[in-house]
Amino acid sequence: MKTTTIVLATALIGAAALNVPAQRTGRRSSGSTTSGSTTESQRTKPTGSNMSADQQQNIKRLQSDLSAIKSGSQVTTEQKQALQQDLMAMAEGATKPNAALVEQLANDLAAAMSDGNISNKELIKLTDDLEAVMNSANISKAQVTQAVTDAQAILKASGVSQSDAQAVVNDLNAIVVEAQKNGQNAVNEAKTNPQNPAGASGKKPLTGRRP
């Protein structure tokens, strides 16, 4: 009788020992899955989450000036200049788009707004695309390409003529090429002369005037 009891107790202890590692392993696996899911969600950030208050204000100002140009209206010089100023204000960082290219974009945008009939929803998306292009030196090529494609689709869907829409797209692409080229040059300059006080301009700082 005693022998039988000992055998049964030994068997129960062995079974319990086998179950403990399995439970621990299962808990680790579950924790790993949760951690992976959390990491993935943290990488996905909402659009505009990193946008400064000034940048948001610049976008709203551009939206307002674009919406002020009514379909079929005669665009004034003041309206074109306002668009140009709005666009330039959206460009952040040391690398700014060429002013002449931005002026041409403002003129063609004004013509497109007068030609088509863009809804408020489309206008918000269009200004987001314009903001991306104006900062194309600071974002990936894929993001810029998507922004230009979206802008073209919005203009076409809003009844803008093919010629006016294409003119805006050409302006956007010209700004992208020039901005990303300048951005790459700045990166190369920083790598070549990391301690160069003159910066990209190559000019030496003034140390004082001779008497």
N, C-alpha and C. Protein backbone atom coordinates (compact mmCIF):
# COMPACT_ATOMS: atom_id res chain seq x y z
N MET A 1 0.84 -1.21 0.00
CA MET A 1 0.00 0.00 0.00
C MET A 1 0.87 1.25 0.00
N LYS A 2 1.88 1.27 0.91
CA LYS A 2 2.78 2.41 0.96
C LYS A 2 3.51 2.60 -0.36
N THR A 3 3.90 1.49 -0.96
CA THR A 3 4.64 1.56 -2.24
C THR A 3 3.78 2.20 -3.32
N THR A 4 2.49 1.80 -3.35
CA THR A 4 1.58 2.35 -4.35
C THR A 4 1.40 3.85 -4.16
N THR A 5 1.27 4.30 -2.92
CA THR A 5 1.09 5.73 -2.62
C THR A 5 2.31 6.54 -3.06
N ILE A 6 3.49 6.01 -2.80
CA ILE A 6 4.72 6.70 -3.19
C ILE A 6 4.82 6.84 -4.69
N VAL A 7 4.45 5.78 -5.40
CA VAL A 7 4.52 5.80 -6.87
C VAL A 7 3.57 6.85 -7.43
N LEU A 8 2.33 6.90 -6.89
CA LEU A 8 1.36 7.88 -7.37
C LEU A 8 1.83 9.31 -7.09
N ALA A 9 2.37 9.55 -5.90
CA ALA A 9 2.85 10.90 -5.55
C ALA A 9 3.98 11.32 -6.47
N THR A 10 4.88 10.39 -6.78
CA THR A 10 6.00 10.71 -7.69
C THR A 10 5.51 11.08 -9.07
N ALA A 11 4.49 10.36 -9.54
CA ALA A 11 3.94 10.62 -10.87
C ALA A 11 3.28 12.00 -10.93
N LEU A 12 2.54 12.34 -9.86
CA LEU A 12 1.89 13.66 -9.83
C LEU A 12 2.89 14.80 -9.82
N ILE A 13 3.95 14.63 -9.02
CA ILE A 13 4.99 15.67 -8.96
C ILE A 13 5.65 15.85 -10.32
N GLY A 14 5.91 14.75 -11.02
CA GLY A 14 6.54 14.83 -12.34
C GLY A 14 5.66 15.55 -13.35
N ALA A 15 4.34 15.25 -13.30
CA ALA A 15 3.41 15.90 -14.24
C ALA A 15 3.34 17.41 -13.98
N ALA A 16 3.34 17.77 -12.69
CA ALA A 16 3.30 19.20 -12.36
C ALA A 16 4.54 19.91 -12.82
N ALA A 17 5.70 19.28 -12.72
CA ALA A 17 6.96 19.88 -13.15
C ALA A 17 6.97 20.11 -14.65
N LEU A 18 6.32 19.22 -15.41
CA LEU A 18 6.27 19.37 -16.87
C LEU A 18 5.36 20.53 -17.27
N ASN A 19 4.29 20.76 -16.52
CA ASN A 19 3.34 21.81 -16.87
C ASN A 19 3.87 23.20 -16.60
N VAL A 20 4.73 23.39 -15.60
CA VAL A 20 5.23 24.72 -15.23
C VAL A 20 6.00 25.39 -16.36
N PRO A 21 6.99 24.72 -16.99
CA PRO A 21 7.72 25.35 -18.11
C PRO A 21 6.81 25.71 -19.26
N ALA A 22 5.81 24.81 -19.50
CA ALA A 22 4.90 25.08 -20.61
C ALA A 22 4.11 26.35 -20.37
N GLN A 23 3.65 26.53 -19.11
CA GLN A 23 2.91 27.73 -18.80
C GLN A 23 3.78 28.97 -18.91
N ARG A 24 5.03 28.87 -18.42
CA ARG A 24 5.94 30.01 -18.52
C ARG A 24 6.23 30.37 -19.97
N THR A 25 6.44 29.33 -20.77
CA THR A 25 6.70 29.57 -22.19
C THR A 25 5.54 30.28 -22.84
N GLY A 26 4.32 29.84 -22.50
CA GLY A 26 3.13 30.48 -23.08
C GLY A 26 3.02 31.93 -22.68
N ARG A 27 3.36 32.25 -21.43
CA ARG A 27 3.29 33.64 -20.99
C ARG A 27 4.30 34.50 -21.73
N ARG A 28 5.50 33.98 -21.92
CA ARG A 28 6.52 34.75 -22.65
C ARG A 28 6.08 35.03 -24.07
N SER A 29 5.52 34.02 -24.69
CA SER A 29 5.08 34.18 -26.08
C SER A 29 4.01 35.24 -26.16
N SER A 30 3.05 35.20 -25.21
CA SER A 30 1.97 36.19 -25.21
C SER A 30 2.52 37.59 -25.02
N GLY A 31 3.49 37.74 -24.10
CA GLY A 31 4.08 39.06 -23.86
C GLY A 31 4.81 39.57 -25.07
N SER A 32 5.49 38.69 -25.80
CA SER A 32 6.23 39.10 -26.98
C SER A 32 5.29 39.61 -28.05
N THR A 33 4.11 38.93 -28.19
CA THR A 33 3.15 39.36 -29.21
C THR A 33 2.59 40.74 -28.89
N THR A 34 2.29 40.95 -27.60
CA THR A 34 1.76 42.26 -27.22
C THR A 34 2.78 43.36 -27.46
N SER A 35 4.04 43.08 -27.13
CA SER A 35 5.10 44.07 -27.31
C SER A 35 5.25 44.43 -28.78
N GLY A 36 5.19 43.40 -29.65
CA GLY A 36 5.34 43.65 -31.07
C GLY A 36 4.20 44.50 -31.60
N SER A 37 2.97 44.20 -31.10
CA SER A 37 1.82 44.97 -31.55
C SER A 37 1.92 46.42 -31.11
N THR A 38 2.40 46.65 -29.88
CA THR A 38 2.55 48.01 -29.39
C THR A 38 3.58 48.79 -30.18
N THR A 39 4.69 48.14 -30.51
CA THR A 39 5.74 48.81 -31.29
C THR A 39 5.22 49.24 -32.64
N GLU A 40 4.43 48.37 -33.26
CA GLU A 40 3.90 48.67 -34.59
C GLU A 40 2.96 49.86 -34.53
N SER A 41 2.12 49.91 -33.48
CA SER A 41 1.18 51.02 -33.38
C SER A 41 1.90 52.34 -33.09
N GLN A 42 3.01 52.26 -32.35
CA GLN A 42 3.75 53.47 -32.03
C GLN A 42 4.40 54.06 -33.28
N ARG A 43 4.73 53.21 -34.23
CA ARG A 43 5.37 53.71 -35.45
C ARG A 43 4.38 54.45 -36.33
N THR A 44 3.09 54.13 -36.21
CA THR A 44 2.08 54.76 -37.03
C THR A 44 1.58 56.01 -36.34
N LYS A 45 1.95 57.16 -36.86
CA LYS A 45 1.57 58.43 -36.25
C LYS A 45 0.51 59.12 -37.11
N PRO A 46 -0.40 59.84 -36.50
CA PRO A 46 -1.43 60.54 -37.27
C PRO A 46 -0.82 61.64 -38.11
N THR A 47 -1.45 61.92 -39.24
CA THR A 47 -0.96 62.94 -40.15
C THR A 47 -0.96 64.31 -39.48
N GLY A 48 0.16 65.02 -39.60
CA GLY A 48 0.25 66.35 -39.04
C GLY A 48 0.59 66.40 -37.56
N SER A 49 0.91 65.22 -36.95
CA SER A 49 1.19 65.19 -35.52
C SER A 49 2.45 65.96 -35.16
N ASN A 50 3.38 66.08 -36.12
CA ASN A 50 4.63 66.77 -35.85
C ASN A 50 4.62 68.22 -36.37
N MET A 51 3.48 68.68 -36.82
CA MET A 51 3.39 70.01 -37.42
C MET A 51 3.31 71.08 -36.33
N SER A 52 4.11 72.12 -36.47
CA SER A 52 4.13 73.20 -35.49
C SER A 52 2.87 74.06 -35.61
N ALA A 53 2.63 74.87 -34.57
CA ALA A 53 1.47 75.77 -34.59
C ALA A 53 1.59 76.79 -35.71
N ASP A 54 2.80 77.27 -35.95
CA ASP A 54 3.02 78.24 -37.03
C ASP A 54 2.71 77.61 -38.39
N GLN A 55 3.14 76.37 -38.55
CA GLN A 55 2.90 75.68 -39.82
C GLN A 55 1.41 75.45 -40.05
N GLN A 56 0.70 75.10 -39.02
CA GLN A 56 -0.75 74.92 -39.15
C GLN A 56 -1.42 76.23 -39.53
N GLN A 57 -0.94 77.32 -38.95
CA GLN A 57 -1.49 78.63 -39.27
C GLN A 57 -1.19 79.02 -40.71
N ASN A 58 0.01 78.69 -41.19
CA ASN A 58 0.37 78.98 -42.58
C ASN A 58 -0.53 78.22 -43.55
N ILE A 59 -0.84 76.98 -43.23
CA ILE A 59 -1.70 76.17 -44.09
C ILE A 59 -3.12 76.76 -44.11
N LYS A 60 -3.62 77.17 -42.97
CA LYS A 60 -4.96 77.77 -42.92
C LYS A 60 -5.01 79.06 -43.72
N ARG A 61 -3.93 79.83 -43.67
CA ARG A 61 -3.88 81.09 -44.43
C ARG A 61 -3.90 80.80 -45.94
N LEU A 62 -3.17 79.77 -46.35
CA LEU A 62 -3.17 79.41 -47.77
C LEU A 62 -4.55 78.92 -48.20
N GLN A 63 -5.19 78.12 -47.36
CA GLN A 63 -6.54 77.65 -47.66
C GLN A 63 -7.50 78.82 -47.84
N SER A 64 -7.38 79.79 -46.97
CA SER A 64 -8.25 80.97 -47.03
C SER A 64 -8.02 81.76 -48.32
N ASP A 65 -6.75 81.97 -48.68
CA ASP A 65 -6.45 82.75 -49.88
C ASP A 65 -6.83 82.00 -51.16
N LEU A 66 -6.70 80.68 -51.13
CA LEU A 66 -7.11 79.89 -52.30
C LEU A 66 -8.64 79.92 -52.47
N SER A 67 -9.34 79.78 -51.36
CA SER A 67 -10.81 79.77 -51.44
C SER A 67 -11.37 81.13 -51.81
N ALA A 68 -10.59 82.18 -51.61
CA ALA A 68 -11.05 83.53 -51.97
C ALA A 68 -11.10 83.72 -53.48
N ILE A 69 -10.40 82.85 -54.22
CA ILE A 69 -10.43 82.92 -55.69
C ILE A 69 -11.60 82.08 -56.18
N LYS A 70 -12.65 82.74 -56.61
CA LYS A 70 -13.86 82.05 -57.01
C LYS A 70 -13.78 81.57 -58.47
N SER A 71 -14.51 80.51 -58.74
CA SER A 71 -14.54 79.95 -60.09
C SER A 71 -15.05 80.98 -61.09
N GLY A 72 -14.30 81.19 -62.16
CA GLY A 72 -14.69 82.13 -63.20
C GLY A 72 -14.33 83.57 -62.92
N SER A 73 -13.69 83.83 -61.77
CA SER A 73 -13.35 85.21 -61.42
C SER A 73 -12.03 85.63 -62.05
N GLN A 74 -11.82 86.94 -62.08
CA GLN A 74 -10.56 87.49 -62.58
C GLN A 74 -9.59 87.59 -61.40
N VAL A 75 -8.47 86.90 -61.52
CA VAL A 75 -7.50 86.87 -60.42
C VAL A 75 -6.68 88.16 -60.43
N THR A 76 -6.54 88.76 -59.27
CA THR A 76 -5.80 90.01 -59.16
C THR A 76 -4.33 89.74 -58.85
N THR A 77 -3.52 90.76 -59.05
CA THR A 77 -2.09 90.65 -58.73
C THR A 77 -1.90 90.44 -57.23
N GLU A 78 -2.73 91.10 -56.44
CA GLU A 78 -2.64 90.95 -54.98
C GLU A 78 -2.91 89.53 -54.54
N GLN A 79 -3.86 88.87 -55.17
CA GLN A 79 -4.18 87.49 -54.83
C GLN A 79 -3.02 86.55 -55.17
N LYS A 80 -2.38 86.80 -56.30
CA LYS A 80 -1.23 85.98 -56.68
C LYS A 80 -0.08 86.18 -55.70
N GLN A 81 0.15 87.42 -55.33
CA GLN A 81 1.23 87.70 -54.38
C GLN A 81 0.95 87.08 -53.02
N ALA A 82 -0.31 87.08 -52.61
CA ALA A 82 -0.68 86.46 -51.33
C ALA A 82 -0.41 84.97 -51.35
N LEU A 83 -0.71 84.33 -52.47
CA LEU A 83 -0.45 82.90 -52.59
C LEU A 83 1.05 82.61 -52.53
N GLN A 84 1.82 83.44 -53.20
CA GLN A 84 3.27 83.25 -53.18
C GLN A 84 3.83 83.38 -51.77
N GLN A 85 3.36 84.37 -51.03
CA GLN A 85 3.81 84.56 -49.66
C GLN A 85 3.39 83.39 -48.76
N ASP A 86 2.19 82.89 -48.97
CA ASP A 86 1.70 81.75 -48.19
C ASP A 86 2.55 80.51 -48.45
N LEU A 87 2.87 80.29 -49.70
CA LEU A 87 3.66 79.11 -50.07
C LEU A 87 5.07 79.18 -49.48
N MET A 88 5.69 80.35 -49.60
CA MET A 88 7.04 80.50 -49.06
C MET A 88 7.05 80.37 -47.54
N ALA A 89 5.99 80.82 -46.89
CA ALA A 89 5.92 80.74 -45.43
C ALA A 89 5.84 79.30 -44.96
N MET A 90 5.33 78.41 -45.80
CA MET A 90 5.20 77.00 -45.41
C MET A 90 6.53 76.25 -45.47
N ALA A 91 7.51 76.80 -46.17
CA ALA A 91 8.81 76.14 -46.32
C ALA A 91 9.62 76.29 -45.04
N GLU A 92 9.93 75.19 -44.39
CA GLU A 92 10.70 75.21 -43.15
C GLU A 92 12.11 74.70 -43.39
N GLY A 93 12.99 75.00 -42.46
CA GLY A 93 14.36 74.53 -42.57
C GLY A 93 15.25 75.50 -43.32
N ALA A 94 16.51 75.12 -43.44
CA ALA A 94 17.49 76.00 -44.09
C ALA A 94 17.36 76.00 -45.60
N THR A 95 16.87 74.92 -46.18
CA THR A 95 16.77 74.80 -47.63
C THR A 95 15.39 75.27 -48.09
N LYS A 96 15.34 76.42 -48.74
CA LYS A 96 14.09 77.01 -49.21
C LYS A 96 13.94 76.82 -50.72
N PRO A 97 12.71 76.70 -51.21
CA PRO A 97 12.49 76.62 -52.66
C PRO A 97 12.88 77.91 -53.34
N ASN A 98 13.19 77.80 -54.61
CA ASN A 98 13.54 78.98 -55.41
C ASN A 98 12.34 79.91 -55.52
N ALA A 99 12.56 81.20 -55.25
CA ALA A 99 11.46 82.16 -55.22
C ALA A 99 10.77 82.29 -56.58
N ALA A 100 11.55 82.23 -57.65
CA ALA A 100 10.97 82.35 -58.98
C ALA A 100 10.05 81.17 -59.30
N LEU A 101 10.45 79.98 -58.87
CA LEU A 101 9.63 78.79 -59.09
C LEU A 101 8.34 78.86 -58.28
N VAL A 102 8.43 79.38 -57.07
CA VAL A 102 7.24 79.51 -56.22
C VAL A 102 6.29 80.56 -56.79
N GLU A 103 6.85 81.63 -57.33
CA GLU A 103 6.01 82.66 -57.96
C GLU A 103 5.23 82.08 -59.13
N GLN A 104 5.90 81.26 -59.94
CA GLN A 104 5.22 80.63 -61.08
C GLN A 104 4.12 79.68 -60.60
N LEU A 105 4.40 78.95 -59.53
CA LEU A 105 3.39 78.05 -58.96
C LEU A 105 2.18 78.84 -58.47
N ALA A 106 2.42 79.96 -57.82
CA ALA A 106 1.33 80.78 -57.32
C ALA A 106 0.45 81.29 -58.46
N ASN A 107 1.07 81.71 -59.54
CA ASN A 107 0.32 82.20 -60.70
C ASN A 107 -0.53 81.09 -61.32
N ASP A 108 0.07 79.91 -61.47
CA ASP A 108 -0.66 78.80 -62.09
C ASP A 108 -1.73 78.24 -61.15
N LEU A 109 -1.48 78.29 -59.85
CA LEU A 109 -2.49 77.87 -58.88
C LEU A 109 -3.70 78.80 -58.94
N ALA A 110 -3.44 80.08 -59.03
CA ALA A 110 -4.52 81.06 -59.10
C ALA A 110 -5.38 80.81 -60.34
N ALA A 111 -4.73 80.53 -61.47
CA ALA A 111 -5.46 80.25 -62.70
C ALA A 111 -6.29 78.98 -62.56
N ALA A 112 -5.73 77.97 -61.89
CA ALA A 112 -6.45 76.70 -61.70
C ALA A 112 -7.66 76.89 -60.80
N MET A 113 -7.52 77.69 -59.74
CA MET A 113 -8.64 77.93 -58.84
C MET A 113 -9.76 78.68 -59.55
N SER A 114 -9.40 79.59 -60.44
CA SER A 114 -10.40 80.33 -61.20
C SER A 114 -11.06 79.46 -62.26
N ASP A 115 -10.32 78.47 -62.72
CA ASP A 115 -10.82 77.60 -63.79
C ASP A 115 -11.74 76.51 -63.26
N GLY A 116 -11.42 75.96 -62.09
CA GLY A 116 -12.19 74.84 -61.56
C GLY A 116 -13.13 75.23 -60.44
N ASN A 117 -13.62 74.21 -59.73
CA ASN A 117 -14.53 74.42 -58.61
C ASN A 117 -14.17 73.41 -57.52
N ILE A 118 -13.20 73.76 -56.69
CA ILE A 118 -12.66 72.84 -55.69
C ILE A 118 -13.46 72.94 -54.39
N SER A 119 -13.89 71.80 -53.88
CA SER A 119 -14.66 71.76 -52.63
C SER A 119 -13.73 72.01 -51.45
N ASN A 120 -14.32 72.29 -50.30
CA ASN A 120 -13.53 72.54 -49.09
C ASN A 120 -12.68 71.32 -48.71
N LYS A 121 -13.27 70.14 -48.83
CA LYS A 121 -12.54 68.91 -48.51
C LYS A 121 -11.34 68.73 -49.42
N GLU A 122 -11.54 68.97 -50.71
CA GLU A 122 -10.44 68.85 -51.67
C GLU A 122 -9.39 69.93 -51.45
N LEU A 123 -9.85 71.11 -51.03
CA LEU A 123 -8.92 72.22 -50.79
C LEU A 123 -7.99 71.91 -49.62
N ILE A 124 -8.53 71.30 -48.58
CA ILE A 124 -7.71 70.92 -47.43
C ILE A 124 -6.65 69.91 -47.84
N LYS A 125 -7.05 68.93 -48.64
CA LYS A 125 -6.08 67.93 -49.09
C LYS A 125 -5.05 68.55 -50.03
N LEU A 126 -5.48 69.45 -50.89
CA LEU A 126 -4.56 70.10 -51.82
C LEU A 126 -3.50 70.90 -51.08
N THR A 127 -3.90 71.64 -50.05
CA THR A 127 -2.92 72.43 -49.30
C THR A 127 -1.94 71.53 -48.54
N ASP A 128 -2.40 70.37 -48.10
CA ASP A 128 -1.48 69.40 -47.48
C ASP A 128 -0.44 68.94 -48.48
N ASP A 129 -0.87 68.71 -49.72
CA ASP A 129 0.05 68.29 -50.77
C ASP A 129 1.04 69.40 -51.10
N LEU A 130 0.55 70.63 -51.13
CA LEU A 130 1.42 71.77 -51.42
C LEU A 130 2.45 71.94 -50.30
N GLU A 131 2.03 71.73 -49.07
CA GLU A 131 2.95 71.84 -47.93
C GLU A 131 4.07 70.80 -48.05
N ALA A 132 3.71 69.59 -48.48
CA ALA A 132 4.72 68.54 -48.66
C ALA A 132 5.73 68.93 -49.72
N VAL A 133 5.26 69.49 -50.82
CA VAL A 133 6.16 69.89 -51.90
C VAL A 133 7.07 71.03 -51.46
N MET A 134 6.54 71.97 -50.73
CA MET A 134 7.35 73.10 -50.28
C MET A 134 8.44 72.67 -49.30
N ASN A 135 8.24 71.52 -48.67
CA ASN A 135 9.25 70.97 -47.76
C ASN A 135 9.86 69.68 -48.31
N SER A 136 9.90 69.57 -49.64
CA SER A 136 10.34 68.34 -50.28
C SER A 136 11.81 68.03 -50.03
N ALA A 137 12.58 69.02 -49.59
CA ALA A 137 14.00 68.76 -49.28
C ALA A 137 14.13 67.99 -47.98
N ASN A 138 13.06 67.94 -47.19
CA ASN A 138 13.13 67.34 -45.86
C ASN A 138 12.35 66.03 -45.72
N ILE A 139 11.70 65.57 -46.78
CA ILE A 139 10.94 64.33 -46.71
C ILE A 139 11.37 63.39 -47.83
N SER A 140 10.87 62.17 -47.78
CA SER A 140 11.31 61.15 -48.74
C SER A 140 10.77 61.42 -50.14
N LYS A 141 11.43 60.85 -51.12
CA LYS A 141 11.01 61.01 -52.51
C LYS A 141 9.65 60.39 -52.74
N ALA A 142 9.36 59.27 -52.07
CA ALA A 142 8.07 58.60 -52.21
C ALA A 142 6.94 59.49 -51.71
N GLN A 143 7.15 60.17 -50.60
CA GLN A 143 6.14 61.07 -50.06
C GLN A 143 5.88 62.25 -50.99
N VAL A 144 6.93 62.77 -51.56
CA VAL A 144 6.78 63.91 -52.48
C VAL A 144 6.05 63.48 -53.74
N THR A 145 6.41 62.33 -54.28
CA THR A 145 5.76 61.83 -55.48
C THR A 145 4.27 61.63 -55.25
N GLN A 146 3.92 61.09 -54.09
CA GLN A 146 2.52 60.88 -53.75
C GLN A 146 1.78 62.20 -53.64
N ALA A 147 2.43 63.21 -53.07
CA ALA A 147 1.81 64.52 -52.93
C ALA A 147 1.50 65.15 -54.29
N VAL A 148 2.44 65.06 -55.21
CA VAL A 148 2.23 65.62 -56.55
C VAL A 148 1.12 64.87 -57.28
N THR A 149 1.11 63.55 -57.15
CA THR A 149 0.07 62.74 -57.79
C THR A 149 -1.30 63.08 -57.24
N ASP A 150 -1.40 63.23 -55.93
CA ASP A 150 -2.67 63.59 -55.30
C ASP A 150 -3.15 64.96 -55.76
N ALA A 151 -2.23 65.92 -55.81
CA ALA A 151 -2.60 67.27 -56.24
C ALA A 151 -3.15 67.26 -57.66
N GLN A 152 -2.52 66.50 -58.53
CA GLN A 152 -2.98 66.42 -59.91
C GLN A 152 -4.38 65.81 -59.98
N ALA A 153 -4.61 64.76 -59.19
CA ALA A 153 -5.92 64.11 -59.19
C ALA A 153 -7.01 65.04 -58.67
N ILE A 154 -6.69 65.83 -57.65
CA ILE A 154 -7.66 66.77 -57.08
C ILE A 154 -8.04 67.84 -58.10
N LEU A 155 -7.04 68.37 -58.79
CA LEU A 155 -7.31 69.42 -59.78
C LEU A 155 -8.18 68.88 -60.92
N LYS A 156 -7.88 67.69 -61.38
CA LYS A 156 -8.66 67.11 -62.48
C LYS A 156 -10.09 66.84 -62.04
N ALA A 157 -10.25 66.31 -60.81
CA ALA A 157 -11.58 65.99 -60.31
C ALA A 157 -12.41 67.24 -60.04
N SER A 158 -11.74 68.38 -59.90
CA SER A 158 -12.44 69.63 -59.60
C SER A 158 -12.81 70.41 -60.84
N GLY A 159 -12.60 69.84 -62.01
CA GLY A 159 -12.99 70.49 -63.25
C GLY A 159 -11.96 71.42 -63.83
N VAL A 160 -10.75 71.40 -63.28
CA VAL A 160 -9.67 72.23 -63.83
C VAL A 160 -9.25 71.65 -65.17
N SER A 161 -9.03 72.52 -66.14
CA SER A 161 -8.65 72.05 -67.47
C SER A 161 -7.33 71.29 -67.44
N GLN A 162 -7.13 70.45 -68.44
CA GLN A 162 -5.92 69.66 -68.51
C GLN A 162 -4.68 70.53 -68.56
N SER A 163 -4.74 71.62 -69.31
CA SER A 163 -3.57 72.50 -69.45
C SER A 163 -3.24 73.20 -68.14
N ASP A 164 -4.26 73.69 -67.43
CA ASP A 164 -4.02 74.38 -66.16
C ASP A 164 -3.52 73.41 -65.09
N ALA A 165 -4.10 72.22 -65.06
CA ALA A 165 -3.67 71.21 -64.08
C ALA A 165 -2.23 70.79 -64.34
N GLN A 166 -1.90 70.60 -65.61
CA GLN A 166 -0.54 70.18 -65.96
C GLN A 166 0.48 71.27 -65.64
N ALA A 167 0.07 72.52 -65.81
CA ALA A 167 0.98 73.63 -65.49
C ALA A 167 1.33 73.61 -64.00
N VAL A 168 0.35 73.37 -63.14
CA VAL A 168 0.61 73.29 -61.70
C VAL A 168 1.51 72.11 -61.38
N VAL A 169 1.24 70.97 -62.00
CA VAL A 169 2.06 69.77 -61.77
C VAL A 169 3.50 70.01 -62.20
N ASN A 170 3.68 70.65 -63.34
CA ASN A 170 5.04 70.97 -63.80
C ASN A 170 5.77 71.88 -62.80
N ASP A 171 5.04 72.84 -62.25
CA ASP A 171 5.63 73.73 -61.25
C ASP A 171 6.04 72.96 -60.00
N LEU A 172 5.17 72.06 -59.56
CA LEU A 172 5.46 71.26 -58.37
C LEU A 172 6.69 70.39 -58.58
N ASN A 173 6.76 69.76 -59.73
CA ASN A 173 7.92 68.90 -60.03
C ASN A 173 9.21 69.71 -60.11
N ALA A 174 9.13 70.92 -60.65
CA ALA A 174 10.32 71.77 -60.75
C ALA A 174 10.82 72.15 -59.36
N ILE A 175 9.89 72.46 -58.45
CA ILE A 175 10.27 72.80 -57.08
C ILE A 175 10.88 71.60 -56.37
N VAL A 176 10.30 70.43 -56.60
CA VAL A 176 10.81 69.21 -55.97
C VAL A 176 12.24 68.91 -56.40
N VAL A 177 12.48 68.96 -57.70
CA VAL A 177 13.82 68.67 -58.23
C VAL A 177 14.85 69.65 -57.67
N GLU A 178 14.50 70.92 -57.68
CA GLU A 178 15.44 71.95 -57.21
C GLU A 178 15.68 71.85 -55.69
N ALA A 179 14.61 71.61 -54.94
CA ALA A 179 14.72 71.56 -53.48
C ALA A 179 15.52 70.34 -53.02
N GLN A 180 15.24 69.19 -53.60
CA GLN A 180 15.96 67.99 -53.20
C GLN A 180 17.42 68.03 -53.63
N LYS A 181 17.69 68.67 -54.74
CA LYS A 181 19.07 68.85 -55.17
C LYS A 181 19.83 69.73 -54.18
N ASN A 182 19.21 70.83 -53.78
CA ASN A 182 19.84 71.72 -52.80
C ASN A 182 20.00 71.04 -51.45
N GLY A 183 19.00 70.25 -51.09
CA GLY A 183 19.09 69.54 -49.82
C GLY A 183 20.23 68.54 -49.81
N GLN A 184 20.42 67.84 -50.91
CA GLN A 184 21.52 66.88 -51.01
C GLN A 184 22.86 67.59 -51.01
N ASN A 185 22.92 68.73 -51.66
CA ASN A 185 24.17 69.50 -51.67
C ASN A 185 24.54 69.96 -50.25
N ALA A 186 23.51 70.34 -49.49
CA ALA A 186 23.75 70.76 -48.10
C ALA A 186 24.27 69.61 -47.26
N VAL A 187 23.71 68.42 -47.49
CA VAL A 187 24.16 67.23 -46.76
C VAL A 187 25.60 66.90 -47.11
N ASN A 188 25.92 66.95 -48.39
CA ASN A 188 27.29 66.66 -48.84
C ASN A 188 28.28 67.69 -48.28
N GLU A 189 27.87 68.94 -48.23
CA GLU A 189 28.73 69.99 -47.70
C GLU A 189 29.00 69.77 -46.22
N ALA A 190 27.95 69.35 -45.50
CA ALA A 190 28.11 69.10 -44.07
C ALA A 190 29.05 67.92 -43.81
N LYS A 191 29.01 66.91 -44.68
CA LYS A 191 29.90 65.76 -44.53
C LYS A 191 31.34 66.12 -44.86
N THR A 192 31.51 66.97 -45.88
CA THR A 192 32.85 67.34 -46.31
C THR A 192 33.51 68.30 -45.32
N ASN A 193 32.74 69.30 -44.88
CA ASN A 193 33.26 70.31 -43.95
C ASN A 193 32.35 70.40 -42.73
N PRO A 194 32.39 69.42 -41.84
CA PRO A 194 31.48 69.41 -40.69
C PRO A 194 31.67 70.57 -39.74
N GLN A 195 32.86 71.19 -39.74
CA GLN A 195 33.13 72.30 -38.84
C GLN A 195 33.35 73.61 -39.58
N ASN A 196 32.87 73.66 -40.80
CA ASN A 196 33.06 74.86 -41.61
C ASN A 196 32.09 75.94 -41.16
N PRO A 197 32.55 77.03 -40.58
CA PRO A 197 31.64 78.08 -40.10
C PRO A 197 30.97 78.85 -41.20
N ALA A 198 31.51 78.71 -42.42
CA ALA A 198 30.92 79.47 -43.53
C ALA A 198 29.62 78.86 -43.98
N GLY A 199 29.40 77.53 -43.72
CA GLY A 199 28.17 76.88 -44.15
C GLY A 199 28.18 76.65 -45.65
N ALA A 200 26.97 76.52 -46.20
CA ALA A 200 26.85 76.21 -47.62
C ALA A 200 27.27 77.36 -48.51
N SER A 201 27.24 78.59 -47.99
CA SER A 201 27.55 79.74 -48.83
C SER A 201 29.04 79.84 -49.15
N GLY A 202 29.86 79.26 -48.28
CA GLY A 202 31.30 79.29 -48.52
C GLY A 202 31.94 80.59 -48.11
N LYS A 203 31.17 81.53 -47.53
CA LYS A 203 31.71 82.81 -47.13
C LYS A 203 32.26 82.73 -45.71
N LYS A 204 33.39 83.36 -45.49
CA LYS A 204 33.99 83.36 -44.17
C LYS A 204 33.35 84.46 -43.33
N PRO A 205 33.15 84.20 -42.03
CA PRO A 205 32.56 85.24 -41.17
C PRO A 205 33.49 86.41 -41.00
N LEU A 206 32.90 87.62 -40.87
CA LEU A 206 33.71 88.81 -40.68
C LEU A 206 34.23 88.86 -39.26
N THR A 207 35.52 89.12 -39.11
CA THR A 207 36.13 89.17 -37.79
C THR A 207 36.33 90.59 -37.29
N GLY A 208 36.03 91.53 -38.14
CA GLY A 208 36.19 92.95 -37.77
C GLY A 208 36.72 93.75 -38.93
N ARG A 209 36.55 95.04 -38.87
CA ARG A 209 37.00 95.91 -39.96
C ARG A 209 38.35 96.52 -39.61
N ARG A 210 39.11 96.76 -40.64
CA ARG A 210 40.40 97.43 -40.44
C ARG A 210 40.16 98.91 -40.19
N PRO A 211 41.00 99.52 -39.35
CA PRO A 211 40.82 100.97 -39.08
C PRO A 211 41.14 101.79 -40.30
